[in-house]
């Protein structure tokens, strides 16, 4: 993912999306970048071996799908009208992407979350990391830190990621949260579940109470220490492009 950070009349400058620029000008790694130091599961390593060169294509496609769905949900929560078709009547999104977005709409309609934060960047130089908070929302009187996922499975690193985000919230804001949650828009669920469950066909909100994430936070800190040891003085890759060209 590329993030535009500077522009002038002639050039755009991007980063590779793995770091955030703090107000001081220092570069702070993202939580997901730090978690690259976490050991990959055996099953994932085997899958990568089996896929060979195709593994990168599958990963990139999954990343694009996730980015697209995140943008749709952000636009929706900001009150914008989201349309599947463009002005010429052609689909702007894959049916898989739109299907996941419709699951988010169903979640919103059924549980009516009150959003306090929508896609907010939080940078903490003292903690040494940063991240984008997908949602802080209140449902039935409880405040949740929610991360939206479109992956085929839920991985241990997701909870480590959320524990780090919870620490960003704890140290930078004057409110608490009751729990962290993954809103999984690619779940294998086939029903609305039992009374009290937050799920529907193909989606599920998996909640972990705030008191239960301390162990995840300890693991994240250990991973962060490993990452800093391996990546001393690491900085993002900057990409600068001219806005226009004309052959002379």
C-alpha atoms as a PDB file:
ATOM      1  CA  UNK A   1       0.000   0.000   0.000  1.00  0.00           C
ATOM      2  CA  UNK A   2       1.338   3.431  -0.949  1.00  0.00           C
ATOM      3  CA  UNK A   3       0.593   6.510   1.126  1.00  0.00           C
ATOM      4  CA  UNK A   4       0.837  10.018  -0.304  1.00  0.00           C
ATOM      5  CA  UNK A   5       2.728  12.160   2.199  1.00  0.00           C
ATOM      6  CA  UNK A   6       3.884  15.267   0.301  1.00  0.00           C
ATOM      7  CA  UNK A   7       2.987  17.085  -2.853  1.00  0.00           C
ATOM      8  CA  UNK A   8       3.918  20.249  -4.704  1.00  0.00           C
ATOM      9  CA  UNK A   9       3.221  21.711  -8.132  1.00  0.00           C
ATOM     10  CA  UNK A  10       5.484  19.233  -9.881  1.00  0.00           C
ATOM     11  CA  UNK A  11       5.862  16.076  -7.800  1.00  0.00           C
ATOM     12  CA  UNK A  12       4.166  13.505  -5.589  1.00  0.00           C
ATOM     13  CA  UNK A  13       6.148  11.757  -2.853  1.00  0.00           C
ATOM     14  CA  UNK A  14       4.920   8.439  -1.447  1.00  0.00           C
ATOM     15  CA  UNK A  15       6.031   5.967   1.201  1.00  0.00           C
ATOM     16  CA  UNK A  16       5.642   2.217   0.968  1.00  0.00           C
ATOM     17  CA  UNK A  17       2.938   2.331   3.649  1.00  0.00           C
ATOM     18  CA  UNK A  18       4.938   0.518   6.352  1.00  0.00           C
ATOM     19  CA  UNK A  19       5.775   3.615   8.406  1.00  0.00           C
ATOM     20  CA  UNK A  20       4.007   6.694   9.736  1.00  0.00           C
ATOM     21  CA  UNK A  21       5.601  10.138   9.946  1.00  0.00           C
ATOM     22  CA  UNK A  22       5.302  11.599  13.456  1.00  0.00           C
ATOM     23  CA  UNK A  23       4.894  15.366  14.047  1.00  0.00           C
ATOM     24  CA  UNK A  24       8.583  15.479  15.018  1.00  0.00           C
ATOM     25  CA  UNK A  25       9.534  14.193  11.567  1.00  0.00           C
ATOM     26  CA  UNK A  26      10.634  10.811  12.893  1.00  0.00           C
ATOM     27  CA  UNK A  27       9.426   7.635  11.202  1.00  0.00           C
ATOM     28  CA  UNK A  28       7.446   5.160  13.311  1.00  0.00           C
ATOM     29  CA  UNK A  29       6.787   1.590  12.098  1.00  0.00           C
ATOM     30  CA  UNK A  30       3.234   0.347  11.771  1.00  0.00           C
ATOM     31  CA  UNK A  31       1.989  -2.406  14.063  1.00  0.00           C
ATOM     32  CA  UNK A  32       1.527  -4.723  11.076  1.00  0.00           C
ATOM     33  CA  UNK A  33       5.113  -4.071   9.969  1.00  0.00           C
ATOM     34  CA  UNK A  34       6.389  -5.044  13.422  1.00  0.00           C
ATOM     35  CA  UNK A  35       4.307  -8.221  13.328  1.00  0.00           C
ATOM     36  CA  UNK A  36       6.232  -9.390  10.274  1.00  0.00           C
ATOM     37  CA  UNK A  37       8.803 -10.534  12.859  1.00  0.00           C
ATOM     38  CA  UNK A  38       6.262 -12.989  14.323  1.00  0.00           C
ATOM     39  CA  UNK A  39       6.966 -16.586  13.221  1.00  0.00           C
ATOM     40  CA  UNK A  40       4.801 -17.688  10.319  1.00  0.00           C
ATOM     41  CA  UNK A  41       2.584 -20.735  10.959  1.00  0.00           C
ATOM     42  CA  UNK A  42       3.819 -24.022   9.500  1.00  0.00           C
ATOM     43  CA  UNK A  43       0.698 -24.336   7.348  1.00  0.00           C
ATOM     44  CA  UNK A  44       1.343 -20.916   5.788  1.00  0.00           C
ATOM     45  CA  UNK A  45       4.953 -21.770   5.009  1.00  0.00           C
ATOM     46  CA  UNK A  46       3.859 -25.011   3.329  1.00  0.00           C
ATOM     47  CA  UNK A  47       1.198 -23.183   1.336  1.00  0.00           C
ATOM     48  CA  UNK A  48       3.769 -20.609   0.153  1.00  0.00           C
ATOM     49  CA  UNK A  49       6.070 -23.412  -0.975  1.00  0.00           C
ATOM     50  CA  UNK A  50       3.247 -25.097  -2.882  1.00  0.00           C
ATOM     51  CA  UNK A  51       2.152 -21.858  -4.536  1.00  0.00           C
ATOM     52  CA  UNK A  52       5.669 -20.804  -5.546  1.00  0.00           C
ATOM     53  CA  UNK A  53       5.679 -17.571  -7.563  1.00  0.00           C
ATOM     54  CA  UNK A  54       1.889 -17.495  -7.448  1.00  0.00           C
ATOM     55  CA  UNK A  55       1.931 -16.832  -3.674  1.00  0.00           C
ATOM     56  CA  UNK A  56       2.786 -13.150  -4.207  1.00  0.00           C
ATOM     57  CA  UNK A  57      -0.101 -12.739  -6.650  1.00  0.00           C
ATOM     58  CA  UNK A  58      -2.567 -14.309  -4.220  1.00  0.00           C
ATOM     59  CA  UNK A  59      -1.261 -12.120  -1.383  1.00  0.00           C
ATOM     60  CA  UNK A  60      -1.493  -8.951  -3.477  1.00  0.00           C
ATOM     61  CA  UNK A  61      -5.022  -9.809  -4.613  1.00  0.00           C
ATOM     62  CA  UNK A  62      -6.090 -10.379  -1.010  1.00  0.00           C
ATOM     63  CA  UNK A  63      -4.519  -7.057  -0.009  1.00  0.00           C
ATOM     64  CA  UNK A  64      -6.363  -5.221  -2.783  1.00  0.00           C
ATOM     65  CA  UNK A  65      -9.637  -6.849  -1.745  1.00  0.00           C
ATOM     66  CA  UNK A  66      -9.113  -5.803   1.861  1.00  0.00           C
ATOM     67  CA  UNK A  67      -8.252  -2.217   0.914  1.00  0.00           C
ATOM     68  CA  UNK A  68     -11.295  -1.933  -1.344  1.00  0.00           C
ATOM     69  CA  UNK A  69     -13.698  -3.263   1.294  1.00  0.00           C
ATOM     70  CA  UNK A  70     -12.182  -0.984   3.943  1.00  0.00           C
ATOM     71  CA  UNK A  71     -12.684   2.033   1.682  1.00  0.00           C
ATOM     72  CA  UNK A  72     -16.300   1.085   1.002  1.00  0.00           C
ATOM     73  CA  UNK A  73     -17.081   0.681   4.705  1.00  0.00           C
ATOM     74  CA  UNK A  74     -15.368   3.989   5.500  1.00  0.00           C
ATOM     75  CA  UNK A  75     -17.333   5.829   2.819  1.00  0.00           C
ATOM     76  CA  UNK A  76     -20.556   4.206   4.037  1.00  0.00           C
ATOM     77  CA  UNK A  77     -19.946   5.211   7.663  1.00  0.00           C
ATOM     78  CA  UNK A  78     -19.106   8.745   6.557  1.00  0.00           C
ATOM     79  CA  UNK A  79     -22.519   9.051   4.956  1.00  0.00           C
ATOM     80  CA  UNK A  80     -21.496   8.673   1.321  1.00  0.00           C
ATOM     81  CA  UNK A  81     -23.586   6.726  -1.154  1.00  0.00           C
ATOM     82  CA  UNK A  82     -21.802   3.570  -2.307  1.00  0.00           C
ATOM     83  CA  UNK A  83     -22.735   2.148  -5.711  1.00  0.00           C
ATOM     84  CA  UNK A  84     -21.772  -1.135  -7.298  1.00  0.00           C
ATOM     85  CA  UNK A  85     -22.130   0.239 -10.832  1.00  0.00           C
ATOM     86  CA  UNK A  86     -20.368   3.166 -12.456  1.00  0.00           C
ATOM     87  CA  UNK A  87     -22.090   5.825 -14.576  1.00  0.00           C
ATOM     88  CA  UNK A  88     -21.987   3.503 -17.596  1.00  0.00           C
ATOM     89  CA  UNK A  89     -23.628   0.609 -15.771  1.00  0.00           C
ATOM     90  CA  UNK A  90     -20.476  -1.478 -15.313  1.00  0.00           C
ATOM     91  CA  UNK A  91     -19.422  -2.980 -11.944  1.00  0.00           C
ATOM     92  CA  UNK A  92     -16.732  -0.972 -10.146  1.00  0.00           C
ATOM     93  CA  UNK A  93     -15.979  -3.807  -7.721  1.00  0.00           C
ATOM     94  CA  UNK A  94     -15.728  -7.563  -7.839  1.00  0.00           C
ATOM     95  CA  UNK A  95     -18.795  -9.404  -6.588  1.00  0.00           C
ATOM     96  CA  UNK A  96     -16.644 -10.796  -3.769  1.00  0.00           C
ATOM     97  CA  UNK A  97     -15.715  -7.293  -2.631  1.00  0.00           C
ATOM     98  CA  UNK A  98     -19.285  -6.030  -2.884  1.00  0.00           C
ATOM     99  CA  UNK A  99     -20.615  -9.117  -1.081  1.00  0.00           C
ATOM    100  CA  UNK A 100     -18.328  -8.439   1.882  1.00  0.00           C
ATOM    101  CA  UNK A 101     -19.396  -4.808   1.915  1.00  0.00           C
ATOM    102  CA  UNK A 102     -23.064  -5.869   2.002  1.00  0.00           C
ATOM    103  CA  UNK A 103     -22.258  -8.017   5.047  1.00  0.00           C
ATOM    104  CA  UNK A 104     -20.910  -4.896   6.725  1.00  0.00           C
ATOM    105  CA  UNK A 105     -24.130  -3.058   5.873  1.00  0.00           C
ATOM    106  CA  UNK A 106     -26.136  -5.904   7.403  1.00  0.00           C
ATOM    107  CA  UNK A 107     -24.010  -5.756  10.565  1.00  0.00           C
ATOM    108  CA  UNK A 108     -24.556  -1.984  10.768  1.00  0.00           C
ATOM    109  CA  UNK A 109     -28.299  -2.240  10.225  1.00  0.00           C
ATOM    110  CA  UNK A 110     -28.808  -5.033  12.746  1.00  0.00           C
ATOM    111  CA  UNK A 111     -26.582  -3.811  15.582  1.00  0.00           C
ATOM    112  CA  UNK A 112     -26.607  -0.053  14.948  1.00  0.00           C
ATOM    113  CA  UNK A 113     -23.088   0.724  16.228  1.00  0.00           C
ATOM    114  CA  UNK A 114     -22.352   4.310  17.267  1.00  0.00           C
ATOM    115  CA  UNK A 115     -18.997   5.103  15.705  1.00  0.00           C
ATOM    116  CA  UNK A 116     -16.660   7.345  17.693  1.00  0.00           C
ATOM    117  CA  UNK A 117     -13.650   6.761  15.423  1.00  0.00           C
ATOM    118  CA  UNK A 118     -13.543   5.742  11.777  1.00  0.00           C
ATOM    119  CA  UNK A 119     -10.148   4.968  10.175  1.00  0.00           C
ATOM    120  CA  UNK A 120      -8.041   7.141  12.488  1.00  0.00           C
ATOM    121  CA  UNK A 121      -4.226   7.097  12.442  1.00  0.00           C
ATOM    122  CA  UNK A 122      -2.625   7.029  15.891  1.00  0.00           C
ATOM    123  CA  UNK A 123       1.143   7.576  16.177  1.00  0.00           C
ATOM    124  CA  UNK A 124       3.040   7.187  19.457  1.00  0.00           C
ATOM    125  CA  UNK A 125       6.780   7.822  19.405  1.00  0.00           C
ATOM    126  CA  UNK A 126       7.155   6.751  23.038  1.00  0.00           C
ATOM    127  CA  UNK A 127       5.606   3.368  22.343  1.00  0.00           C
ATOM    128  CA  UNK A 128       7.546   3.205  19.092  1.00  0.00           C
ATOM    129  CA  UNK A 129       4.710   2.197  16.774  1.00  0.00           C
ATOM    130  CA  UNK A 130       1.612   3.463  15.038  1.00  0.00           C
ATOM    131  CA  UNK A 131      -1.528   2.118  13.448  1.00  0.00           C
ATOM    132  CA  UNK A 132      -4.849   2.890  11.821  1.00  0.00           C
ATOM    133  CA  UNK A 133      -7.824   2.245  14.077  1.00  0.00           C
ATOM    134  CA  UNK A 134     -10.653   0.909  11.913  1.00  0.00           C
ATOM    135  CA  UNK A 135     -13.437   1.653  14.389  1.00  0.00           C
ATOM    136  CA  UNK A 136     -14.130   2.625  17.952  1.00  0.00           C
ATOM    137  CA  UNK A 137     -17.838   2.003  18.355  1.00  0.00           C
ATOM    138  CA  UNK A 138     -20.452   1.470  21.019  1.00  0.00           C
ATOM    139  CA  UNK A 139     -22.974  -1.363  20.782  1.00  0.00           C
ATOM    140  CA  UNK A 140     -25.579  -1.892  23.513  1.00  0.00           C
ATOM    141  CA  UNK A 141     -23.650   0.345  25.902  1.00  0.00           C
ATOM    142  CA  UNK A 142     -20.271  -1.341  25.421  1.00  0.00           C
ATOM    143  CA  UNK A 143     -17.352   0.327  23.648  1.00  0.00           C
ATOM    144  CA  UNK A 144     -15.299  -1.840  21.299  1.00  0.00           C
ATOM    145  CA  UNK A 145     -12.085  -1.367  19.363  1.00  0.00           C
ATOM    146  CA  UNK A 146     -12.935  -3.103  16.075  1.00  0.00           C
ATOM    147  CA  UNK A 147     -10.671  -4.259  13.274  1.00  0.00           C
ATOM    148  CA  UNK A 148     -12.274  -5.258   9.977  1.00  0.00           C
ATOM    149  CA  UNK A 149     -10.860  -8.377   8.325  1.00  0.00           C
ATOM    150  CA  UNK A 150     -11.579  -9.970   4.926  1.00  0.00           C
ATOM    151  CA  UNK A 151      -9.112 -12.862   5.156  1.00  0.00           C
ATOM    152  CA  UNK A 152      -9.947 -16.534   4.704  1.00  0.00           C
ATOM    153  CA  UNK A 153      -9.096 -17.280   8.351  1.00  0.00           C
ATOM    154  CA  UNK A 154      -8.432 -15.495  11.640  1.00  0.00           C
ATOM    155  CA  UNK A 155      -4.786 -15.564  12.707  1.00  0.00           C
ATOM    156  CA  UNK A 156      -3.092 -15.180  16.105  1.00  0.00           C
ATOM    157  CA  UNK A 157      -1.341 -12.018  14.926  1.00  0.00           C
ATOM    158  CA  UNK A 158      -4.719 -10.274  14.628  1.00  0.00           C
ATOM    159  CA  UNK A 159      -5.122 -10.329  18.410  1.00  0.00           C
ATOM    160  CA  UNK A 160      -1.548  -9.111  18.886  1.00  0.00           C
ATOM    161  CA  UNK A 161      -2.365  -6.276  16.489  1.00  0.00           C
ATOM    162  CA  UNK A 162      -5.481  -5.367  18.453  1.00  0.00           C
ATOM    163  CA  UNK A 163      -3.612  -5.464  21.770  1.00  0.00           C
ATOM    164  CA  UNK A 164      -1.148  -2.907  20.372  1.00  0.00           C
ATOM    165  CA  UNK A 165      -3.999  -0.736  19.105  1.00  0.00           C
ATOM    166  CA  UNK A 166      -5.616  -0.950  22.538  1.00  0.00           C
ATOM    167  CA  UNK A 167      -2.394   0.349  24.063  1.00  0.00           C
ATOM    168  CA  UNK A 168      -2.372   3.229  21.586  1.00  0.00           C
ATOM    169  CA  UNK A 169      -5.893   4.084  22.691  1.00  0.00           C
ATOM    170  CA  UNK A 170      -5.075   3.723  26.392  1.00  0.00           C
ATOM    171  CA  UNK A 171      -2.059   6.043  26.244  1.00  0.00           C
ATOM    172  CA  UNK A 172      -3.428   8.662  23.840  1.00  0.00           C
ATOM    173  CA  UNK A 173      -7.103   9.092  24.718  1.00  0.00           C
ATOM    174  CA  UNK A 174      -9.084   9.717  27.876  1.00  0.00           C
ATOM    175  CA  UNK A 175     -11.610   6.930  27.482  1.00  0.00           C
ATOM    176  CA  UNK A 176     -11.520   3.198  28.003  1.00  0.00           C
ATOM    177  CA  UNK A 177     -12.783   0.263  25.972  1.00  0.00           C
ATOM    178  CA  UNK A 178     -14.724  -2.786  27.109  1.00  0.00           C
ATOM    179  CA  UNK A 179     -13.200  -5.116  24.566  1.00  0.00           C
ATOM    180  CA  UNK A 180     -11.497  -5.615  21.233  1.00  0.00           C
ATOM    181  CA  UNK A 181     -13.185  -7.287  18.305  1.00  0.00           C
ATOM    182  CA  UNK A 182     -12.571  -8.605  14.831  1.00  0.00           C
ATOM    183  CA  UNK A 183     -15.406  -7.986  12.379  1.00  0.00           C
ATOM    184  CA  UNK A 184     -14.749 -10.872  10.006  1.00  0.00           C
ATOM    185  CA  UNK A 185     -16.505 -10.317   6.687  1.00  0.00           C
ATOM    186  CA  UNK A 186     -15.369 -13.638   5.202  1.00  0.00           C
ATOM    187  CA  UNK A 187     -16.539 -15.951   7.969  1.00  0.00           C
ATOM    188  CA  UNK A 188     -17.877 -19.459   7.409  1.00  0.00           C
ATOM    189  CA  UNK A 189     -21.050 -18.779   9.381  1.00  0.00           C
ATOM    190  CA  UNK A 190     -24.338 -19.874   7.796  1.00  0.00           C
ATOM    191  CA  UNK A 191     -26.878 -18.503  10.271  1.00  0.00           C
ATOM    192  CA  UNK A 192     -27.481 -15.543  12.584  1.00  0.00           C
ATOM    193  CA  UNK A 193     -26.272 -17.700  15.474  1.00  0.00           C
ATOM    194  CA  UNK A 194     -27.717 -17.890  18.954  1.00  0.00           C
ATOM    195  CA  UNK A 195     -29.290 -15.060  20.914  1.00  0.00           C
ATOM    196  CA  UNK A 196     -26.573 -12.577  21.804  1.00  0.00           C
ATOM    197  CA  UNK A 197     -24.257 -13.565  18.943  1.00  0.00           C
ATOM    198  CA  UNK A 198     -23.176 -10.850  16.564  1.00  0.00           C
ATOM    199  CA  UNK A 199     -23.077 -12.722  13.290  1.00  0.00           C
ATOM    200  CA  UNK A 200     -24.883 -13.396  10.060  1.00  0.00           C
ATOM    201  CA  UNK A 201     -24.419 -15.429   6.912  1.00  0.00           C
ATOM    202  CA  UNK A 202     -20.771 -15.022   5.961  1.00  0.00           C
ATOM    203  CA  UNK A 203     -19.817 -12.572   8.723  1.00  0.00           C
ATOM    204  CA  UNK A 204     -19.074 -12.633  12.412  1.00  0.00           C
ATOM    205  CA  UNK A 205     -17.930 -10.212  15.119  1.00  0.00           C
ATOM    206  CA  UNK A 206     -15.518 -12.058  17.401  1.00  0.00           C
ATOM    207  CA  UNK A 207     -15.067 -10.249  20.722  1.00  0.00           C
ATOM    208  CA  UNK A 208     -12.316 -10.522  23.328  1.00  0.00           C
ATOM    209  CA  UNK A 209     -12.876  -8.662  26.648  1.00  0.00           C
ATOM    210  CA  UNK A 210     -10.316  -5.978  27.458  1.00  0.00           C
ATOM    211  CA  UNK A 211      -9.047  -7.890  30.513  1.00  0.00           C
ATOM    212  CA  UNK A 212      -8.200 -10.883  28.291  1.00  0.00           C
ATOM    213  CA  UNK A 213      -5.787  -9.106  25.939  1.00  0.00           C
ATOM    214  CA  UNK A 214      -2.949  -8.565  28.422  1.00  0.00           C
ATOM    215  CA  UNK A 215      -1.262 -11.815  27.384  1.00  0.00           C
ATOM    216  CA  UNK A 216      -1.462 -10.709  23.731  1.00  0.00           C
ATOM    217  CA  UNK A 217       0.128  -7.380  24.684  1.00  0.00           C
ATOM    218  CA  UNK A 218       3.045  -9.176  26.353  1.00  0.00           C
ATOM    219  CA  UNK A 219       3.637 -11.227  23.216  1.00  0.00           C
ATOM    220  CA  UNK A 220       3.455  -8.141  21.004  1.00  0.00           C
ATOM    221  CA  UNK A 221       6.077  -6.407  23.144  1.00  0.00           C
ATOM    222  CA  UNK A 222       8.381  -9.401  22.713  1.00  0.00           C
ATOM    223  CA  UNK A 223       7.873  -9.335  18.943  1.00  0.00           C
ATOM    224  CA  UNK A 224       8.521  -5.578  18.944  1.00  0.00           C
ATOM    225  CA  UNK A 225      11.841  -6.164  20.711  1.00  0.00           C
ATOM    226  CA  UNK A 226      12.840  -8.714  18.074  1.00  0.00           C
ATOM    227  CA  UNK A 227      11.815  -6.363  15.258  1.00  0.00           C
ATOM    228  CA  UNK A 228      13.848  -3.469  16.680  1.00  0.00           C
ATOM    229  CA  UNK A 229      16.885  -5.727  17.047  1.00  0.00           C
ATOM    230  CA  UNK A 230      16.707  -6.808  13.404  1.00  0.00           C
ATOM    231  CA  UNK A 231      15.678  -3.409  11.987  1.00  0.00           C
ATOM    232  CA  UNK A 232      17.940  -0.873  13.671  1.00  0.00           C
ATOM    233  CA  UNK A 233      17.629   2.616  12.136  1.00  0.00           C
ATOM    234  CA  UNK A 234      15.096   1.311   9.599  1.00  0.00           C
ATOM    235  CA  UNK A 235      13.278   3.931   7.539  1.00  0.00           C
ATOM    236  CA  UNK A 236      10.621   3.775   4.831  1.00  0.00           C
ATOM    237  CA  UNK A 237      11.335   3.659   1.153  1.00  0.00           C
ATOM    238  CA  UNK A 238      10.390   7.001  -0.405  1.00  0.00           C
ATOM    239  CA  UNK A 239       9.103   7.141  -3.969  1.00  0.00           C
ATOM    240  CA  UNK A 240       8.925  10.432  -5.853  1.00  0.00           C
ATOM    241  CA  UNK A 241       7.193  10.838  -9.207  1.00  0.00           C
ATOM    242  CA  UNK A 242       6.718  13.851 -11.450  1.00  0.00           C
ATOM    243  CA  UNK A 243       3.103  14.863 -11.927  1.00  0.00           C
ATOM    244  CA  UNK A 244       3.455  15.231 -15.708  1.00  0.00           C
ATOM    245  CA  UNK A 245       5.784  14.599 -18.634  1.00  0.00           C
ATOM    246  CA  UNK A 246       5.869  16.014 -22.137  1.00  0.00           C
ATOM    247  CA  UNK A 247       8.207  14.804 -24.824  1.00  0.00           C
ATOM    248  CA  UNK A 248      10.314  17.626 -26.250  1.00  0.00           C
END
